[in-house]
C-alpha cells in the first residue's frame, strides 16, 4: 500500500495533481480547496509530500478496476478522511466533495450529534449524516481540537445534496446509475421547486406509476 509520495509537483488540476518521482508521474486525487491553495502559493515545480490513501475504484463495467491515490499535505487530514470513508455509503469521491468545512467543524458536528450541520455538506443528506454519527461518534474528538481553520474543499455553487442522496437510495434499490440518473432528471424537470430528497422520491414514484399505468 502506498501511504506517502514525495516528488516534484508538475501539475495541479481542479481536483488532482501530478507528482514526478524518478521519471514517473503519479496522479493524486486531492480536495479542491487544497488544489486551489497549491496553485495560488506557486507550488508547481517545487518538492511536495502527499500523505496518501490507496484504493481501488470500480469502472463503468464490473470487470474494470483502477488503482487510485488520494493525497493530503497533513497526516491528520488523511487520518480523518480514512475514518470518514469507512462509513457505509460514504465513498471516496463523495467524501472529498464533503470537506467544505474545516475538519474540526465536521468532527465537532459528529461529536455534538448535529445532523443538521452534517446534512448541509455536499452529498450528505439526513440519512447519511445519521450513519456518520452512529459510526463515528466518540472517534473524532481529537480532530475537533484541531486548530486548522481552512476547509479542504471549496463549496460547489450548484451543489444539490438531495440529488446525491436520491442517487444513493435508488442504487440501494438495485437501479443502475444510468436508470437512476434518468429518473432524477425526469423528476427535476417535472417540478419547479424541490428542496429535499423526500419530495424528489415522491415525484419519481408518481412518474413510475404513471409510466406503468400508460403501458
N, C-alpha and C. Protein backbone atom coordinates (compact mmCIF):
# COMPACT_ATOMS: atom_id res chain seq x y z
N UNK A 1 0.85 -1.20 0.00
CA UNK A 1 0.00 0.00 0.00
C UNK A 1 0.88 1.25 0.00
N UNK A 2 0.54 2.22 -0.83
CA UNK A 2 1.30 3.47 -0.91
C UNK A 2 0.72 4.45 0.10
N UNK A 3 1.50 4.81 1.12
CA UNK A 3 1.00 5.70 2.16
C UNK A 3 1.62 7.09 2.11
N UNK A 4 2.66 7.27 1.29
CA UNK A 4 3.28 8.59 1.17
C UNK A 4 3.99 8.67 -0.17
N UNK A 5 3.93 9.84 -0.79
CA UNK A 5 4.66 10.04 -2.04
C UNK A 5 5.31 11.42 -2.02
N UNK A 6 6.60 11.44 -2.33
CA UNK A 6 7.36 12.69 -2.32
C UNK A 6 8.03 12.88 -3.68
N UNK A 7 7.89 14.05 -4.23
CA UNK A 7 8.49 14.33 -5.52
C UNK A 7 8.23 15.76 -5.95
N UNK A 8 8.41 16.02 -7.22
CA UNK A 8 8.21 17.36 -7.77
C UNK A 8 6.76 17.51 -8.24
N UNK A 9 6.11 18.57 -7.80
CA UNK A 9 4.74 18.84 -8.22
C UNK A 9 4.76 19.44 -9.63
N UNK A 10 4.35 18.67 -10.62
CA UNK A 10 4.46 19.12 -12.01
C UNK A 10 3.17 19.72 -12.56
N UNK A 11 2.03 19.37 -11.97
CA UNK A 11 0.76 19.87 -12.50
C UNK A 11 -0.31 19.79 -11.41
N UNK A 12 -1.21 20.80 -11.41
CA UNK A 12 -2.32 20.80 -10.47
C UNK A 12 -3.60 21.12 -11.22
N UNK A 13 -4.59 20.24 -11.13
CA UNK A 13 -5.89 20.50 -11.73
C UNK A 13 -6.88 20.94 -10.67
N UNK A 14 -8.17 20.88 -11.00
CA UNK A 14 -9.19 21.28 -10.04
C UNK A 14 -9.29 20.33 -8.86
N UNK A 15 -8.99 19.05 -9.09
CA UNK A 15 -9.12 18.07 -8.01
C UNK A 15 -8.07 16.97 -8.09
N UNK A 16 -6.95 17.26 -8.74
CA UNK A 16 -5.89 16.26 -8.83
C UNK A 16 -4.55 16.95 -9.05
N UNK A 17 -3.49 16.20 -8.81
CA UNK A 17 -2.14 16.73 -9.00
C UNK A 17 -1.27 15.63 -9.60
N UNK A 18 -0.23 16.05 -10.33
CA UNK A 18 0.76 15.11 -10.86
C UNK A 18 2.06 15.31 -10.10
N UNK A 19 2.61 14.21 -9.60
CA UNK A 19 3.87 14.25 -8.87
C UNK A 19 4.89 13.40 -9.61
N UNK A 20 6.03 14.00 -9.95
CA UNK A 20 7.08 13.28 -10.67
C UNK A 20 8.07 12.70 -9.67
N UNK A 21 8.26 11.39 -9.77
CA UNK A 21 9.19 10.69 -8.88
C UNK A 21 10.05 9.74 -9.71
N UNK A 22 11.32 10.03 -9.82
CA UNK A 22 12.24 9.15 -10.54
C UNK A 22 11.84 8.89 -11.98
N UNK A 23 11.36 9.92 -12.65
CA UNK A 23 10.98 9.78 -14.06
C UNK A 23 9.57 9.28 -14.28
N UNK A 24 8.85 8.96 -13.23
CA UNK A 24 7.46 8.54 -13.34
C UNK A 24 6.55 9.63 -12.80
N UNK A 25 5.36 9.76 -13.41
CA UNK A 25 4.37 10.75 -12.94
C UNK A 25 3.20 10.02 -12.30
N UNK A 26 2.91 10.37 -11.07
CA UNK A 26 1.80 9.77 -10.34
C UNK A 26 0.65 10.76 -10.22
N UNK A 27 -0.55 10.33 -10.59
CA UNK A 27 -1.73 11.17 -10.42
C UNK A 27 -2.28 10.96 -9.02
N UNK A 28 -2.48 12.06 -8.31
CA UNK A 28 -3.00 12.00 -6.94
C UNK A 28 -4.27 12.84 -6.87
N UNK A 29 -5.37 12.24 -6.47
CA UNK A 29 -6.62 12.98 -6.27
C UNK A 29 -6.47 13.80 -4.98
N UNK A 30 -6.84 15.08 -5.03
CA UNK A 30 -6.74 15.94 -3.85
C UNK A 30 -8.02 16.76 -3.71
N UNK A 31 -8.35 17.21 -2.50
CA UNK A 31 -9.53 18.06 -2.32
C UNK A 31 -9.38 19.37 -3.10
N UNK A 32 -10.49 19.90 -3.58
CA UNK A 32 -10.47 21.09 -4.44
C UNK A 32 -9.86 22.31 -3.76
N UNK A 33 -10.10 22.46 -2.46
CA UNK A 33 -9.54 23.60 -1.74
C UNK A 33 -8.03 23.52 -1.65
N UNK A 34 -7.52 22.32 -1.41
CA UNK A 34 -6.07 22.11 -1.36
C UNK A 34 -5.45 22.38 -2.73
N UNK A 35 -6.12 21.94 -3.79
CA UNK A 35 -5.64 22.19 -5.15
C UNK A 35 -5.54 23.69 -5.42
N UNK A 36 -6.54 24.42 -5.00
CA UNK A 36 -6.57 25.87 -5.19
C UNK A 36 -5.41 26.54 -4.45
N UNK A 37 -5.14 26.10 -3.23
CA UNK A 37 -4.05 26.70 -2.46
C UNK A 37 -2.69 26.39 -3.06
N UNK A 38 -2.52 25.17 -3.60
CA UNK A 38 -1.25 24.82 -4.22
C UNK A 38 -0.99 25.69 -5.45
N UNK A 39 -2.05 25.98 -6.21
CA UNK A 39 -1.90 26.86 -7.38
C UNK A 39 -1.56 28.28 -6.95
N UNK A 40 -2.30 28.78 -5.97
CA UNK A 40 -2.11 30.17 -5.52
C UNK A 40 -0.76 30.40 -4.87
N UNK A 41 -0.23 29.37 -4.21
CA UNK A 41 1.03 29.51 -3.49
C UNK A 41 2.25 29.19 -4.34
N UNK A 42 2.04 29.00 -5.63
CA UNK A 42 3.17 28.73 -6.52
C UNK A 42 3.86 27.41 -6.23
N UNK A 43 3.07 26.39 -5.93
CA UNK A 43 3.66 25.10 -5.57
C UNK A 43 4.18 24.29 -6.74
N UNK A 44 3.73 24.61 -7.96
CA UNK A 44 4.16 23.84 -9.13
C UNK A 44 5.66 23.99 -9.35
N UNK A 45 6.33 22.88 -9.54
CA UNK A 45 7.78 22.87 -9.74
C UNK A 45 8.55 22.63 -8.45
N UNK A 46 7.88 22.73 -7.32
CA UNK A 46 8.55 22.53 -6.04
C UNK A 46 8.35 21.09 -5.54
N UNK A 47 9.18 20.72 -4.59
CA UNK A 47 9.03 19.40 -3.99
C UNK A 47 7.80 19.40 -3.08
N UNK A 48 7.08 18.30 -3.11
CA UNK A 48 5.90 18.18 -2.27
C UNK A 48 5.82 16.76 -1.72
N UNK A 49 5.22 16.64 -0.55
CA UNK A 49 5.00 15.32 0.04
C UNK A 49 3.51 15.17 0.32
N UNK A 50 2.89 14.17 -0.28
CA UNK A 50 1.49 13.86 -0.03
C UNK A 50 1.38 12.64 0.88
N UNK A 51 0.58 12.78 1.93
CA UNK A 51 0.20 11.62 2.75
C UNK A 51 -0.99 10.99 2.02
N UNK A 52 -0.86 9.76 1.60
CA UNK A 52 -1.82 9.21 0.64
C UNK A 52 -2.67 8.06 1.19
N UNK A 53 -3.82 7.92 0.54
CA UNK A 53 -4.72 6.79 0.76
C UNK A 53 -4.83 6.06 -0.58
N UNK A 54 -4.54 4.78 -0.59
CA UNK A 54 -4.60 3.97 -1.81
C UNK A 54 -5.92 3.20 -1.82
N UNK A 55 -6.62 3.25 -2.95
CA UNK A 55 -7.86 2.48 -3.05
C UNK A 55 -8.09 2.03 -4.48
N UNK A 56 -8.97 1.08 -4.65
CA UNK A 56 -9.33 0.56 -5.98
C UNK A 56 -10.71 1.09 -6.33
N UNK A 57 -10.80 1.77 -7.47
CA UNK A 57 -12.07 2.33 -7.91
C UNK A 57 -12.66 1.46 -9.02
N UNK A 58 -13.92 1.14 -8.89
CA UNK A 58 -14.61 0.34 -9.92
C UNK A 58 -14.95 1.22 -11.11
N UNK A 59 -14.80 0.68 -12.30
CA UNK A 59 -15.15 1.40 -13.51
C UNK A 59 -16.62 1.22 -13.86
N UNK A 60 -16.99 1.66 -15.07
CA UNK A 60 -18.37 1.53 -15.52
C UNK A 60 -18.78 0.06 -15.68
N UNK A 61 -17.80 -0.75 -16.07
CA UNK A 61 -18.06 -2.18 -16.21
C UNK A 61 -17.50 -2.90 -14.99
N UNK A 62 -18.19 -3.94 -14.57
CA UNK A 62 -17.82 -4.63 -13.34
C UNK A 62 -16.40 -5.19 -13.39
N UNK A 63 -15.93 -5.53 -14.59
CA UNK A 63 -14.61 -6.13 -14.72
C UNK A 63 -13.49 -5.09 -14.63
N UNK A 64 -13.82 -3.80 -14.76
CA UNK A 64 -12.80 -2.76 -14.76
C UNK A 64 -12.59 -2.20 -13.37
N UNK A 65 -11.33 -2.21 -12.93
CA UNK A 65 -10.96 -1.63 -11.65
C UNK A 65 -9.68 -0.83 -11.84
N UNK A 66 -9.60 0.33 -11.17
CA UNK A 66 -8.47 1.22 -11.35
C UNK A 66 -7.86 1.61 -10.01
N UNK A 67 -6.54 1.46 -9.87
CA UNK A 67 -5.89 1.89 -8.62
C UNK A 67 -5.83 3.42 -8.56
N UNK A 68 -6.13 3.99 -7.41
CA UNK A 68 -6.14 5.44 -7.23
C UNK A 68 -5.39 5.83 -5.97
N UNK A 69 -4.90 7.07 -5.97
CA UNK A 69 -4.29 7.65 -4.79
C UNK A 69 -5.03 8.93 -4.44
N UNK A 70 -5.31 9.12 -3.16
CA UNK A 70 -5.85 10.38 -2.65
C UNK A 70 -4.78 10.97 -1.74
N UNK A 71 -4.49 12.28 -1.90
CA UNK A 71 -3.39 12.86 -1.15
C UNK A 71 -3.76 14.07 -0.30
N UNK A 72 -3.05 14.21 0.81
CA UNK A 72 -3.20 15.34 1.73
C UNK A 72 -1.80 15.77 2.17
N UNK A 73 -1.65 17.03 2.49
CA UNK A 73 -0.34 17.50 2.95
C UNK A 73 -0.18 17.37 4.46
N UNK A 74 -1.27 17.07 5.16
CA UNK A 74 -1.24 16.91 6.62
C UNK A 74 -1.68 15.49 6.97
N UNK A 75 -0.87 14.73 7.72
CA UNK A 75 -1.25 13.36 8.07
C UNK A 75 -2.55 13.28 8.87
N UNK A 76 -2.87 14.34 9.63
CA UNK A 76 -4.12 14.36 10.40
C UNK A 76 -5.32 14.41 9.46
N UNK A 77 -5.19 15.16 8.36
CA UNK A 77 -6.27 15.23 7.37
C UNK A 77 -6.49 13.86 6.73
N UNK A 78 -5.39 13.19 6.43
CA UNK A 78 -5.51 11.84 5.85
C UNK A 78 -6.21 10.89 6.82
N UNK A 79 -5.85 10.97 8.08
CA UNK A 79 -6.43 10.08 9.08
C UNK A 79 -7.94 10.31 9.21
N UNK A 80 -8.34 11.58 9.22
CA UNK A 80 -9.77 11.88 9.33
C UNK A 80 -10.51 11.40 8.08
N UNK A 81 -9.94 11.63 6.92
CA UNK A 81 -10.55 11.22 5.66
C UNK A 81 -10.72 9.70 5.62
N UNK A 82 -9.70 8.97 6.05
CA UNK A 82 -9.79 7.50 6.06
C UNK A 82 -10.92 7.03 6.98
N UNK A 83 -11.05 7.70 8.11
CA UNK A 83 -12.12 7.37 9.06
C UNK A 83 -13.48 7.63 8.43
N UNK A 84 -13.60 8.76 7.73
CA UNK A 84 -14.87 9.15 7.11
C UNK A 84 -15.29 8.17 6.03
N UNK A 85 -14.33 7.70 5.24
CA UNK A 85 -14.66 6.80 4.13
C UNK A 85 -14.99 5.38 4.58
N UNK A 86 -14.79 5.09 5.87
CA UNK A 86 -15.18 3.77 6.38
C UNK A 86 -16.67 3.72 6.71
N UNK A 87 -17.33 4.88 6.67
CA UNK A 87 -18.77 4.91 6.91
C UNK A 87 -19.50 4.35 5.70
N UNK A 88 -20.42 3.44 5.93
CA UNK A 88 -21.19 2.84 4.85
C UNK A 88 -21.93 3.92 4.05
N UNK A 89 -21.71 3.94 2.73
CA UNK A 89 -22.38 4.92 1.88
C UNK A 89 -21.55 6.16 1.60
N UNK A 90 -20.41 6.32 2.27
CA UNK A 90 -19.55 7.48 2.05
C UNK A 90 -18.35 7.05 1.21
N UNK A 91 -18.49 7.17 -0.11
CA UNK A 91 -17.40 6.80 -1.00
C UNK A 91 -16.30 7.85 -1.00
N UNK A 92 -15.20 7.53 -1.65
CA UNK A 92 -14.04 8.42 -1.67
C UNK A 92 -14.36 9.75 -2.33
N UNK A 93 -14.97 9.73 -3.49
CA UNK A 93 -15.26 10.99 -4.20
C UNK A 93 -16.29 11.83 -3.45
N UNK A 94 -17.29 11.19 -2.87
CA UNK A 94 -18.27 11.93 -2.08
C UNK A 94 -17.61 12.56 -0.86
N UNK A 95 -16.72 11.80 -0.22
CA UNK A 95 -16.01 12.32 0.96
C UNK A 95 -15.15 13.52 0.60
N UNK A 96 -14.49 13.48 -0.55
CA UNK A 96 -13.66 14.61 -0.98
C UNK A 96 -14.51 15.86 -1.18
N UNK A 97 -15.70 15.70 -1.78
CA UNK A 97 -16.57 16.86 -2.02
C UNK A 97 -17.15 17.41 -0.72
N UNK A 98 -17.27 16.55 0.28
CA UNK A 98 -17.96 16.95 1.51
C UNK A 98 -17.15 17.85 2.42
N UNK A 99 -15.85 17.96 2.19
CA UNK A 99 -14.96 18.65 3.13
C UNK A 99 -14.96 20.17 2.98
N UNK A 100 -16.14 20.76 2.87
CA UNK A 100 -16.22 22.22 2.67
C UNK A 100 -16.15 23.01 3.97
N UNK A 101 -16.15 22.30 5.09
CA UNK A 101 -15.94 22.92 6.39
C UNK A 101 -14.59 22.45 6.93
N UNK A 102 -13.95 23.24 7.78
CA UNK A 102 -12.72 22.75 8.41
C UNK A 102 -12.98 21.41 9.09
N UNK A 103 -12.00 20.54 9.09
CA UNK A 103 -12.17 19.21 9.68
C UNK A 103 -12.61 19.31 11.13
N UNK A 104 -12.11 20.30 11.86
CA UNK A 104 -12.51 20.44 13.27
C UNK A 104 -14.01 20.69 13.41
N UNK A 105 -14.59 21.43 12.44
CA UNK A 105 -16.03 21.72 12.49
C UNK A 105 -16.86 20.47 12.16
N UNK A 106 -16.37 19.67 11.21
CA UNK A 106 -17.09 18.44 10.87
C UNK A 106 -17.02 17.47 12.04
N UNK A 107 -15.83 17.36 12.64
CA UNK A 107 -15.66 16.49 13.78
C UNK A 107 -16.53 16.95 14.96
N UNK A 108 -16.59 18.25 15.16
CA UNK A 108 -17.42 18.79 16.25
C UNK A 108 -18.89 18.46 16.03
N UNK A 109 -19.34 18.56 14.77
CA UNK A 109 -20.73 18.22 14.45
C UNK A 109 -21.01 16.75 14.75
N UNK A 110 -20.04 15.89 14.47
CA UNK A 110 -20.20 14.45 14.75
C UNK A 110 -20.31 14.23 16.26
N UNK A 111 -19.42 14.87 17.01
CA UNK A 111 -19.42 14.66 18.47
C UNK A 111 -20.62 15.30 19.14
N UNK A 112 -21.16 16.37 18.56
CA UNK A 112 -22.34 17.03 19.12
C UNK A 112 -23.64 16.43 18.57
N UNK A 113 -23.50 15.43 17.70
CA UNK A 113 -24.64 14.77 17.05
C UNK A 113 -25.53 15.78 16.32
N UNK A 114 -24.85 16.68 15.61
CA UNK A 114 -25.54 17.75 14.88
C UNK A 114 -25.82 17.29 13.44
N UNK A 115 -26.93 16.58 13.27
CA UNK A 115 -27.27 16.07 11.94
C UNK A 115 -27.55 17.19 10.95
N UNK A 116 -28.08 18.31 11.41
CA UNK A 116 -28.40 19.42 10.52
C UNK A 116 -27.14 19.96 9.86
N UNK A 117 -26.07 20.13 10.64
CA UNK A 117 -24.81 20.64 10.09
C UNK A 117 -24.22 19.67 9.09
N UNK A 118 -24.22 18.39 9.42
CA UNK A 118 -23.66 17.38 8.51
C UNK A 118 -24.49 17.24 7.24
N UNK A 119 -25.81 17.40 7.36
CA UNK A 119 -26.70 17.26 6.20
C UNK A 119 -26.45 18.31 5.14
N UNK A 120 -25.87 19.43 5.55
CA UNK A 120 -25.61 20.52 4.60
C UNK A 120 -24.34 20.32 3.79
N UNK A 121 -23.55 19.31 4.14
CA UNK A 121 -22.34 19.03 3.37
C UNK A 121 -22.72 18.41 2.02
N UNK A 122 -22.02 18.77 0.93
CA UNK A 122 -22.35 18.21 -0.39
C UNK A 122 -22.35 16.69 -0.39
N UNK A 123 -23.42 16.11 -0.88
CA UNK A 123 -23.52 14.65 -0.97
C UNK A 123 -23.96 13.97 0.31
N UNK A 124 -24.12 14.75 1.38
CA UNK A 124 -24.51 14.17 2.67
C UNK A 124 -25.90 14.67 3.04
N UNK A 125 -26.88 13.81 2.97
CA UNK A 125 -28.23 14.18 3.38
C UNK A 125 -28.49 13.70 4.80
N UNK A 126 -29.74 13.76 5.20
CA UNK A 126 -30.11 13.39 6.58
C UNK A 126 -29.78 11.93 6.88
N UNK A 127 -30.08 11.05 5.95
CA UNK A 127 -29.86 9.62 6.15
C UNK A 127 -28.37 9.31 6.39
N UNK A 128 -27.52 9.88 5.52
CA UNK A 128 -26.09 9.60 5.64
C UNK A 128 -25.48 10.30 6.87
N UNK A 129 -25.97 11.48 7.19
CA UNK A 129 -25.45 12.19 8.37
C UNK A 129 -25.72 11.37 9.63
N UNK A 130 -26.88 10.71 9.69
CA UNK A 130 -27.20 9.86 10.84
C UNK A 130 -26.26 8.66 10.91
N UNK A 131 -25.90 8.12 9.73
CA UNK A 131 -24.96 7.00 9.69
C UNK A 131 -23.58 7.43 10.17
N UNK A 132 -23.16 8.61 9.72
CA UNK A 132 -21.84 9.12 10.12
C UNK A 132 -21.76 9.25 11.63
N UNK A 133 -22.79 9.82 12.23
CA UNK A 133 -22.81 10.00 13.68
C UNK A 133 -22.84 8.65 14.39
N UNK A 134 -23.67 7.74 13.89
CA UNK A 134 -23.79 6.42 14.52
C UNK A 134 -22.46 5.66 14.50
N UNK A 135 -21.70 5.79 13.42
CA UNK A 135 -20.48 5.01 13.26
C UNK A 135 -19.22 5.72 13.77
N UNK A 136 -19.25 7.06 13.84
CA UNK A 136 -18.01 7.77 14.20
C UNK A 136 -18.07 8.53 15.52
N UNK A 137 -19.26 8.63 16.11
CA UNK A 137 -19.35 9.38 17.37
C UNK A 137 -18.42 8.76 18.41
N UNK A 138 -17.61 9.63 19.05
CA UNK A 138 -16.65 9.16 20.04
C UNK A 138 -15.28 8.87 19.46
N UNK A 139 -15.18 8.84 18.12
CA UNK A 139 -13.90 8.53 17.46
C UNK A 139 -13.23 9.76 16.86
N UNK A 140 -13.90 10.91 16.89
CA UNK A 140 -13.37 12.10 16.20
C UNK A 140 -13.05 13.26 17.14
N UNK A 141 -12.95 12.98 18.44
CA UNK A 141 -12.74 14.04 19.42
C UNK A 141 -11.44 14.79 19.15
N UNK A 142 -10.36 14.08 18.86
CA UNK A 142 -9.08 14.76 18.67
C UNK A 142 -9.09 15.68 17.44
N UNK A 143 -9.87 15.32 16.43
CA UNK A 143 -9.96 16.17 15.24
C UNK A 143 -10.72 17.45 15.55
N UNK A 144 -11.66 17.38 16.49
CA UNK A 144 -12.42 18.56 16.88
C UNK A 144 -11.54 19.58 17.59
N UNK A 145 -10.38 19.15 18.07
CA UNK A 145 -9.45 20.05 18.76
C UNK A 145 -8.42 20.67 17.81
N UNK A 146 -8.49 20.30 16.54
CA UNK A 146 -7.54 20.84 15.56
C UNK A 146 -7.66 22.36 15.46
N UNK A 147 -6.53 23.03 15.24
CA UNK A 147 -6.53 24.49 15.11
C UNK A 147 -6.61 24.95 13.65
N UNK A 148 -6.59 24.00 12.73
CA UNK A 148 -6.66 24.36 11.32
C UNK A 148 -8.03 24.93 10.98
N UNK A 149 -8.04 26.11 10.37
CA UNK A 149 -9.30 26.80 10.09
C UNK A 149 -9.72 26.72 8.63
N UNK A 150 -8.83 26.24 7.76
CA UNK A 150 -9.15 26.20 6.34
C UNK A 150 -9.85 24.90 5.96
N UNK A 151 -10.95 24.97 5.22
CA UNK A 151 -11.59 23.75 4.73
C UNK A 151 -10.74 23.13 3.62
N UNK A 152 -10.83 21.84 3.45
CA UNK A 152 -10.04 21.15 2.43
C UNK A 152 -10.67 21.24 1.04
N UNK A 153 -11.98 21.44 0.99
CA UNK A 153 -12.67 21.53 -0.30
C UNK A 153 -13.42 22.85 -0.39
N UNK A 154 -13.56 23.35 -1.60
CA UNK A 154 -14.34 24.58 -1.78
C UNK A 154 -15.78 24.19 -2.12
N UNK A 155 -16.73 25.00 -1.70
CA UNK A 155 -18.14 24.69 -1.99
C UNK A 155 -18.42 24.67 -3.48
N UNK A 156 -19.34 23.83 -3.88
CA UNK A 156 -19.78 23.77 -5.27
C UNK A 156 -21.05 24.60 -5.39
N UNK A 157 -21.02 25.70 -6.17
CA UNK A 157 -22.18 26.61 -6.24
C UNK A 157 -23.49 25.93 -6.61
N UNK A 158 -23.41 24.93 -7.47
CA UNK A 158 -24.65 24.29 -7.94
C UNK A 158 -24.94 22.99 -7.19
N UNK A 159 -24.29 22.82 -6.05
CA UNK A 159 -24.44 21.57 -5.31
C UNK A 159 -25.88 21.37 -4.82
N UNK A 160 -26.42 20.19 -5.05
CA UNK A 160 -27.76 19.84 -4.56
C UNK A 160 -27.65 18.51 -3.83
N UNK A 161 -27.39 18.55 -2.52
CA UNK A 161 -27.15 17.32 -1.75
C UNK A 161 -28.26 16.28 -1.89
N UNK A 162 -29.52 16.74 -2.01
CA UNK A 162 -30.61 15.77 -2.06
C UNK A 162 -30.58 14.94 -3.33
N UNK A 163 -29.98 15.46 -4.40
CA UNK A 163 -29.86 14.69 -5.64
C UNK A 163 -28.91 13.52 -5.41
N UNK A 164 -27.78 13.77 -4.74
CA UNK A 164 -26.84 12.70 -4.43
C UNK A 164 -27.47 11.67 -3.51
N UNK A 165 -28.27 12.14 -2.57
CA UNK A 165 -28.93 11.23 -1.64
C UNK A 165 -29.95 10.36 -2.38
N UNK A 166 -30.68 10.98 -3.34
CA UNK A 166 -31.64 10.22 -4.13
C UNK A 166 -30.93 9.16 -4.98
N UNK A 167 -29.78 9.52 -5.53
CA UNK A 167 -28.98 8.57 -6.31
C UNK A 167 -28.57 7.39 -5.44
N UNK A 168 -28.16 7.68 -4.21
CA UNK A 168 -27.75 6.64 -3.27
C UNK A 168 -28.92 5.70 -2.95
N UNK A 169 -30.10 6.27 -2.74
CA UNK A 169 -31.29 5.47 -2.42
C UNK A 169 -31.65 4.55 -3.58
N UNK A 170 -31.63 5.10 -4.80
CA UNK A 170 -32.02 4.31 -5.98
C UNK A 170 -31.03 3.18 -6.26
N UNK A 171 -29.74 3.45 -6.08
CA UNK A 171 -28.75 2.39 -6.30
C UNK A 171 -28.89 1.30 -5.25
N UNK A 172 -29.27 1.68 -4.03
CA UNK A 172 -29.53 0.68 -2.99
C UNK A 172 -30.74 -0.18 -3.34
N UNK A 173 -31.67 0.39 -4.13
CA UNK A 173 -32.87 -0.33 -4.56
C UNK A 173 -32.63 -1.11 -5.86
N UNK A 174 -31.35 -1.26 -6.21
CA UNK A 174 -30.92 -2.08 -7.35
C UNK A 174 -31.14 -1.43 -8.72
N UNK A 175 -31.39 -0.11 -8.76
CA UNK A 175 -31.41 0.58 -10.05
C UNK A 175 -29.96 0.84 -10.47
N UNK A 176 -29.70 0.79 -11.78
CA UNK A 176 -28.37 1.14 -12.25
C UNK A 176 -28.20 2.66 -12.15
N UNK A 177 -26.96 3.13 -12.19
CA UNK A 177 -26.73 4.58 -12.10
C UNK A 177 -27.36 5.29 -13.29
N UNK A 178 -27.35 4.67 -14.46
CA UNK A 178 -27.94 5.28 -15.66
C UNK A 178 -29.46 5.41 -15.49
N UNK A 179 -30.10 4.35 -14.97
CA UNK A 179 -31.54 4.39 -14.73
C UNK A 179 -31.89 5.45 -13.68
N UNK A 180 -31.09 5.48 -12.61
CA UNK A 180 -31.34 6.44 -11.53
C UNK A 180 -31.19 7.88 -12.04
N UNK A 181 -30.18 8.10 -12.85
CA UNK A 181 -29.95 9.45 -13.38
C UNK A 181 -31.11 9.90 -14.25
N UNK A 182 -31.63 8.98 -15.09
CA UNK A 182 -32.77 9.30 -15.95
C UNK A 182 -34.00 9.63 -15.12
N UNK A 183 -34.24 8.85 -14.07
CA UNK A 183 -35.39 9.08 -13.20
C UNK A 183 -35.28 10.43 -12.47
N UNK A 184 -34.09 10.74 -12.01
CA UNK A 184 -33.88 12.01 -11.29
C UNK A 184 -34.06 13.20 -12.23
N UNK A 185 -33.50 13.10 -13.42
CA UNK A 185 -33.63 14.19 -14.39
C UNK A 185 -35.08 14.44 -14.77
N UNK A 186 -35.84 13.37 -14.97
CA UNK A 186 -37.27 13.50 -15.32
C UNK A 186 -38.04 14.16 -14.18
N UNK A 187 -37.71 13.77 -12.95
CA UNK A 187 -38.40 14.34 -11.78
C UNK A 187 -38.07 15.82 -11.62
N UNK A 188 -36.79 16.17 -11.86
CA UNK A 188 -36.37 17.57 -11.72
C UNK A 188 -37.07 18.45 -12.76
N UNK A 189 -37.30 17.90 -13.95
CA UNK A 189 -37.99 18.66 -15.00
C UNK A 189 -39.47 18.81 -14.69
N UNK A 190 -40.03 17.84 -13.99
CA UNK A 190 -41.47 17.83 -13.72
C UNK A 190 -41.86 18.79 -12.60
N UNK A 191 -40.90 19.22 -11.79
CA UNK A 191 -41.21 20.10 -10.66
C UNK A 191 -40.34 21.34 -10.70
N UNK A 192 -40.93 22.49 -10.42
CA UNK A 192 -40.18 23.75 -10.45
C UNK A 192 -39.32 23.94 -9.21
N UNK A 193 -39.77 23.41 -8.08
CA UNK A 193 -39.05 23.63 -6.84
C UNK A 193 -39.02 22.36 -6.00
N UNK A 194 -37.80 21.83 -5.82
CA UNK A 194 -37.60 20.66 -4.97
C UNK A 194 -36.52 21.03 -3.96
N UNK A 195 -36.80 20.86 -2.69
CA UNK A 195 -35.86 21.29 -1.66
C UNK A 195 -35.34 20.14 -0.80
N UNK A 196 -35.96 18.97 -0.89
CA UNK A 196 -35.50 17.85 -0.07
C UNK A 196 -35.70 16.53 -0.81
N UNK A 197 -34.97 15.53 -0.37
CA UNK A 197 -34.95 14.25 -1.07
C UNK A 197 -36.33 13.59 -1.06
N UNK A 198 -37.10 13.78 0.01
CA UNK A 198 -38.42 13.16 0.10
C UNK A 198 -39.33 13.63 -1.04
N UNK A 199 -39.24 14.93 -1.39
CA UNK A 199 -40.04 15.47 -2.49
C UNK A 199 -39.63 14.84 -3.82
N UNK A 200 -38.31 14.70 -4.00
CA UNK A 200 -37.80 14.13 -5.24
C UNK A 200 -38.22 12.67 -5.39
N UNK A 201 -38.13 11.90 -4.31
CA UNK A 201 -38.53 10.49 -4.34
C UNK A 201 -40.02 10.37 -4.66
N UNK A 202 -40.84 11.24 -4.07
CA UNK A 202 -42.29 11.20 -4.30
C UNK A 202 -42.60 11.45 -5.77
N UNK A 203 -41.94 12.41 -6.38
CA UNK A 203 -42.18 12.72 -7.80
C UNK A 203 -41.74 11.55 -8.67
N UNK A 204 -40.62 10.93 -8.35
CA UNK A 204 -40.15 9.78 -9.14
C UNK A 204 -41.14 8.63 -9.02
N UNK A 205 -41.70 8.43 -7.83
CA UNK A 205 -42.70 7.37 -7.63
C UNK A 205 -43.92 7.64 -8.51
N UNK A 206 -44.37 8.90 -8.54
CA UNK A 206 -45.54 9.24 -9.36
C UNK A 206 -45.24 9.04 -10.84
N UNK A 207 -44.02 9.41 -11.25
CA UNK A 207 -43.63 9.23 -12.66
C UNK A 207 -43.64 7.76 -13.04
N UNK A 208 -43.08 6.92 -12.14
CA UNK A 208 -43.02 5.49 -12.42
C UNK A 208 -44.41 4.87 -12.46
N UNK A 209 -45.27 5.31 -11.54
CA UNK A 209 -46.65 4.79 -11.50
C UNK A 209 -47.40 5.21 -12.75
N UNK A 210 -47.17 6.47 -13.19
CA UNK A 210 -47.82 6.94 -14.40
C UNK A 210 -47.35 6.20 -15.63
N UNK A 211 -46.04 5.88 -15.68
CA UNK A 211 -45.49 5.16 -16.83
C UNK A 211 -46.07 3.75 -16.91
N UNK A 212 -46.24 3.09 -15.76
CA UNK A 212 -46.79 1.74 -15.74
C UNK A 212 -48.28 1.74 -16.11
N UNK A 213 -48.97 2.78 -15.67
CA UNK A 213 -50.40 2.88 -15.99
C UNK A 213 -50.63 3.10 -17.46
N UNK A 214 -49.67 3.80 -18.10
CA UNK A 214 -49.83 4.11 -19.53
C UNK A 214 -49.34 3.02 -20.44
N UNK A 215 -48.64 2.03 -19.87
CA UNK A 215 -48.11 0.95 -20.72
C UNK A 215 -49.11 -0.20 -20.88
